Amino acid sequence: MAARGTIAVVGADAIADRIETDAAHRRRGLGRAAMSALAEAAVSQGARTGLLIASQEGQLLYSCLGWHHEADVLIARGPAVPANW
Protein backbone atom coordinates (compact mmCIF):
# COMPACT_ATOMS: atom_id res chain seq x y z
CA MET A 1 0.00 0.00 0.00
CA ALA A 2 1.46 3.35 -1.01
CA ALA A 3 -0.78 5.69 1.04
CA ARG A 4 -3.73 5.36 3.37
CA GLY A 5 -5.74 7.04 6.09
CA THR A 6 -9.08 7.15 7.85
CA ILE A 7 -11.45 9.92 8.83
CA ALA A 8 -14.42 9.91 11.20
CA VAL A 9 -17.13 12.54 11.28
CA VAL A 10 -18.57 13.44 14.68
CA GLY A 11 -21.08 16.25 14.41
CA ALA A 12 -19.41 19.02 12.43
CA ASP A 13 -15.89 17.73 13.16
CA ALA A 14 -13.84 15.36 11.01
CA ILE A 15 -11.05 13.53 12.82
CA ALA A 16 -8.29 12.28 10.53
CA ASP A 17 -6.21 9.34 11.75
CA ARG A 18 -3.30 7.20 10.60
CA ILE A 19 -2.63 9.17 7.46
CA GLU A 20 0.46 7.47 6.06
CA THR A 21 2.51 7.35 2.89
CA ASP A 22 4.99 4.50 2.53
CA ALA A 23 8.57 5.78 2.59
CA ALA A 24 9.26 4.45 -0.93
CA HIS A 25 6.33 6.49 -2.30
CA ARG A 26 6.73 9.84 -0.57
CA ARG A 27 7.05 13.20 -2.34
CA ARG A 28 4.71 12.14 -5.17
CA GLY A 29 1.48 13.82 -4.04
CA LEU A 30 -0.07 10.69 -2.55
CA GLY A 31 -0.50 12.20 0.92
CA ARG A 32 -2.16 15.22 -0.63
CA ALA A 33 -4.45 12.99 -2.70
CA ALA A 34 -5.37 10.87 0.32
CA MET A 35 -6.17 13.95 2.42
CA SER A 36 -8.22 15.47 -0.39
CA ALA A 37 -10.29 12.30 -0.78
CA LEU A 38 -10.81 12.00 2.99
CA ALA A 39 -11.76 15.68 3.32
CA GLU A 40 -14.23 15.42 0.44
CA ALA A 41 -15.86 12.39 2.08
CA ALA A 42 -16.03 14.19 5.43
CA VAL A 43 -17.58 17.33 3.95
CA SER A 44 -20.20 15.20 2.19
CA GLN A 45 -21.12 13.87 5.66
CA GLY A 46 -21.53 17.37 7.09
CA ALA A 47 -18.08 18.09 8.52
CA ARG A 48 -16.98 21.70 8.68
CA THR A 49 -13.87 21.44 10.86
CA GLY A 50 -10.94 19.04 10.60
CA LEU A 51 -8.88 17.75 13.51
CA LEU A 52 -5.67 15.71 13.51
CA ILE A 53 -2.41 15.04 15.31
CA ALA A 54 0.62 15.15 13.02
CA SER A 55 4.26 14.14 13.11
CA GLN A 56 6.80 16.84 12.37
CA GLU A 57 7.05 15.51 8.82
CA GLY A 58 3.26 15.45 8.46
CA GLN A 59 3.00 19.02 9.69
CA LEU A 60 4.76 20.18 6.54
CA LEU A 61 2.11 18.56 4.36
CA TYR A 62 -0.82 19.79 6.44
CA SER A 63 0.43 23.37 6.55
CA CYS A 64 0.66 23.31 2.73
CA LEU A 65 -2.95 22.10 2.67
CA GLY A 66 -4.13 25.03 4.82
CA TRP A 67 -4.22 23.36 8.24
CA HIS A 68 -3.20 25.54 11.21
CA HIS A 69 -1.20 24.56 14.30
CA GLU A 70 -3.40 24.75 17.41
CA ALA A 71 -1.52 22.91 20.18
CA ASP A 72 1.54 20.85 21.01
CA VAL A 73 0.85 17.24 21.98
CA LEU A 74 2.96 14.83 24.00
CA ILE A 75 2.81 11.20 22.96
CA ALA A 76 4.17 9.08 25.81
CA ARG A 77 4.80 5.35 26.19
CA GLY A 78 4.72 3.56 29.50
CA PRO A 79 3.59 0.38 31.23
CA ALA A 80 -0.01 -0.71 30.71
CA VAL A 81 -0.65 -0.16 34.42
CA PRO A 82 1.71 2.38 36.03
CA ALA A 83 3.17 1.25 39.38
CA ASN A 84 1.49 4.07 41.33
CA TRP A 85 -2.08 3.21 40.34
C-alpha atoms as a PDB file:
ATOM      1  CA  MET A   1       0.000   0.000   0.000  1.00  0.00           C
ATOM      2  CA  ALA A   2       1.464   3.349  -1.010  1.00  0.00           C
ATOM      3  CA  ALA A   3      -0.779   5.687   1.037  1.00  0.00           C
ATOM      4  CA  ARG A   4      -3.730   5.364   3.368  1.00  0.00           C
ATOM      5  CA  GLY A   5      -5.741   7.036   6.090  1.00  0.00           C
ATOM      6  CA  THR A   6      -9.081   7.148   7.846  1.00  0.00           C
ATOM      7  CA  ILE A   7     -11.453   9.916   8.829  1.00  0.00           C
ATOM      8  CA  ALA A   8     -14.419   9.908  11.198  1.00  0.00           C
ATOM      9  CA  VAL A   9     -17.132  12.541  11.284  1.00  0.00           C
ATOM     10  CA  VAL A  10     -18.571  13.444  14.680  1.00  0.00           C
ATOM     11  CA  GLY A  11     -21.085  16.251  14.415  1.00  0.00           C
ATOM     12  CA  ALA A  12     -19.413  19.020  12.428  1.00  0.00           C
ATOM     13  CA  ASP A  13     -15.888  17.728  13.161  1.00  0.00           C
ATOM     14  CA  ALA A  14     -13.838  15.362  11.011  1.00  0.00           C
ATOM     15  CA  ILE A  15     -11.051  13.531  12.825  1.00  0.00           C
ATOM     16  CA  ALA A  16      -8.289  12.280  10.528  1.00  0.00           C
ATOM     17  CA  ASP A  17      -6.213   9.338  11.748  1.00  0.00           C
ATOM     18  CA  ARG A  18      -3.297   7.202  10.605  1.00  0.00           C
ATOM     19  CA  ILE A  19      -2.625   9.169   7.460  1.00  0.00           C
ATOM     20  CA  GLU A  20       0.456   7.474   6.056  1.00  0.00           C
ATOM     21  CA  THR A  21       2.509   7.349   2.891  1.00  0.00           C
ATOM     22  CA  ASP A  22       4.992   4.502   2.530  1.00  0.00           C
ATOM     23  CA  ALA A  23       8.573   5.782   2.589  1.00  0.00           C
ATOM     24  CA  ALA A  24       9.256   4.450  -0.927  1.00  0.00           C
ATOM     25  CA  HIS A  25       6.329   6.486  -2.302  1.00  0.00           C
ATOM     26  CA  ARG A  26       6.727   9.843  -0.567  1.00  0.00           C
ATOM     27  CA  ARG A  27       7.045  13.196  -2.337  1.00  0.00           C
ATOM     28  CA  ARG A  28       4.705  12.138  -5.165  1.00  0.00           C
ATOM     29  CA  GLY A  29       1.485  13.822  -4.044  1.00  0.00           C
ATOM     30  CA  LEU A  30      -0.067  10.685  -2.550  1.00  0.00           C
ATOM     31  CA  GLY A  31      -0.501  12.201   0.920  1.00  0.00           C
ATOM     32  CA  ARG A  32      -2.164  15.223  -0.628  1.00  0.00           C
ATOM     33  CA  ALA A  33      -4.451  12.992  -2.705  1.00  0.00           C
ATOM     34  CA  ALA A  34      -5.368  10.874   0.320  1.00  0.00           C
ATOM     35  CA  MET A  35      -6.172  13.947   2.424  1.00  0.00           C
ATOM     36  CA  SER A  36      -8.216  15.469  -0.393  1.00  0.00           C
ATOM     37  CA  ALA A  37     -10.295  12.299  -0.780  1.00  0.00           C
ATOM     38  CA  LEU A  38     -10.812  12.004   2.988  1.00  0.00           C
ATOM     39  CA  ALA A  39     -11.762  15.679   3.318  1.00  0.00           C
ATOM     40  CA  GLU A  40     -14.228  15.417   0.444  1.00  0.00           C
ATOM     41  CA  ALA A  41     -15.861  12.394   2.079  1.00  0.00           C
ATOM     42  CA  ALA A  42     -16.033  14.191   5.434  1.00  0.00           C
ATOM     43  CA  VAL A  43     -17.581  17.327   3.947  1.00  0.00           C
ATOM     44  CA  SER A  44     -20.200  15.198   2.189  1.00  0.00           C
ATOM     45  CA  GLN A  45     -21.123  13.868   5.656  1.00  0.00           C
ATOM     46  CA  GLY A  46     -21.530  17.374   7.094  1.00  0.00           C
ATOM     47  CA  ALA A  47     -18.077  18.089   8.524  1.00  0.00           C
ATOM     48  CA  ARG A  48     -16.978  21.698   8.676  1.00  0.00           C
ATOM     49  CA  THR A  49     -13.871  21.441  10.863  1.00  0.00           C
ATOM     50  CA  GLY A  50     -10.939  19.040  10.599  1.00  0.00           C
ATOM     51  CA  LEU A  51      -8.878  17.753  13.515  1.00  0.00           C
ATOM     52  CA  LEU A  52      -5.670  15.705  13.512  1.00  0.00           C
ATOM     53  CA  ILE A  53      -2.410  15.045  15.313  1.00  0.00           C
ATOM     54  CA  ALA A  54       0.618  15.153  13.022  1.00  0.00           C
ATOM     55  CA  SER A  55       4.255  14.136  13.113  1.00  0.00           C
ATOM     56  CA  GLN A  56       6.797  16.843  12.371  1.00  0.00           C
ATOM     57  CA  GLU A  57       7.046  15.510   8.824  1.00  0.00           C
ATOM     58  CA  GLY A  58       3.260  15.451   8.460  1.00  0.00           C
ATOM     59  CA  GLN A  59       2.997  19.024   9.694  1.00  0.00           C
ATOM     60  CA  LEU A  60       4.764  20.179   6.543  1.00  0.00           C
ATOM     61  CA  LEU A  61       2.107  18.561   4.356  1.00  0.00           C
ATOM     62  CA  TYR A  62      -0.819  19.786   6.435  1.00  0.00           C
ATOM     63  CA  SER A  63       0.429  23.366   6.547  1.00  0.00           C
ATOM     64  CA  CYS A  64       0.662  23.310   2.726  1.00  0.00           C
ATOM     65  CA  LEU A  65      -2.954  22.104   2.675  1.00  0.00           C
ATOM     66  CA  GLY A  66      -4.134  25.029   4.820  1.00  0.00           C
ATOM     67  CA  TRP A  67      -4.220  23.363   8.242  1.00  0.00           C
ATOM     68  CA  HIS A  68      -3.197  25.537  11.210  1.00  0.00           C
ATOM     69  CA  HIS A  69      -1.202  24.559  14.301  1.00  0.00           C
ATOM     70  CA  GLU A  70      -3.404  24.749  17.407  1.00  0.00           C
ATOM     71  CA  ALA A  71      -1.520  22.908  20.178  1.00  0.00           C
ATOM     72  CA  ASP A  72       1.535  20.850  21.014  1.00  0.00           C
ATOM     73  CA  VAL A  73       0.845  17.243  21.979  1.00  0.00           C
ATOM     74  CA  LEU A  74       2.960  14.830  24.003  1.00  0.00           C
ATOM     75  CA  ILE A  75       2.808  11.201  22.961  1.00  0.00           C
ATOM     76  CA  ALA A  76       4.172   9.076  25.812  1.00  0.00           C
ATOM     77  CA  ARG A  77       4.801   5.354  26.189  1.00  0.00           C
ATOM     78  CA  GLY A  78       4.723   3.557  29.501  1.00  0.00           C
ATOM     79  CA  PRO A  79       3.593   0.384  31.229  1.00  0.00           C
ATOM     80  CA  ALA A  80      -0.010  -0.709  30.709  1.00  0.00           C
ATOM     81  CA  VAL A  81      -0.646  -0.163  34.424  1.00  0.00           C
ATOM     82  CA  PRO A  82       1.707   2.380  36.028  1.00  0.00           C
ATOM     83  CA  ALA A  83       3.172   1.254  39.378  1.00  0.00           C
ATOM     84  CA  ASN A  84       1.492   4.070  41.328  1.00  0.00           C
ATOM     85  CA  TRP A  85      -2.084   3.205  40.344  1.00  0.00           C
END
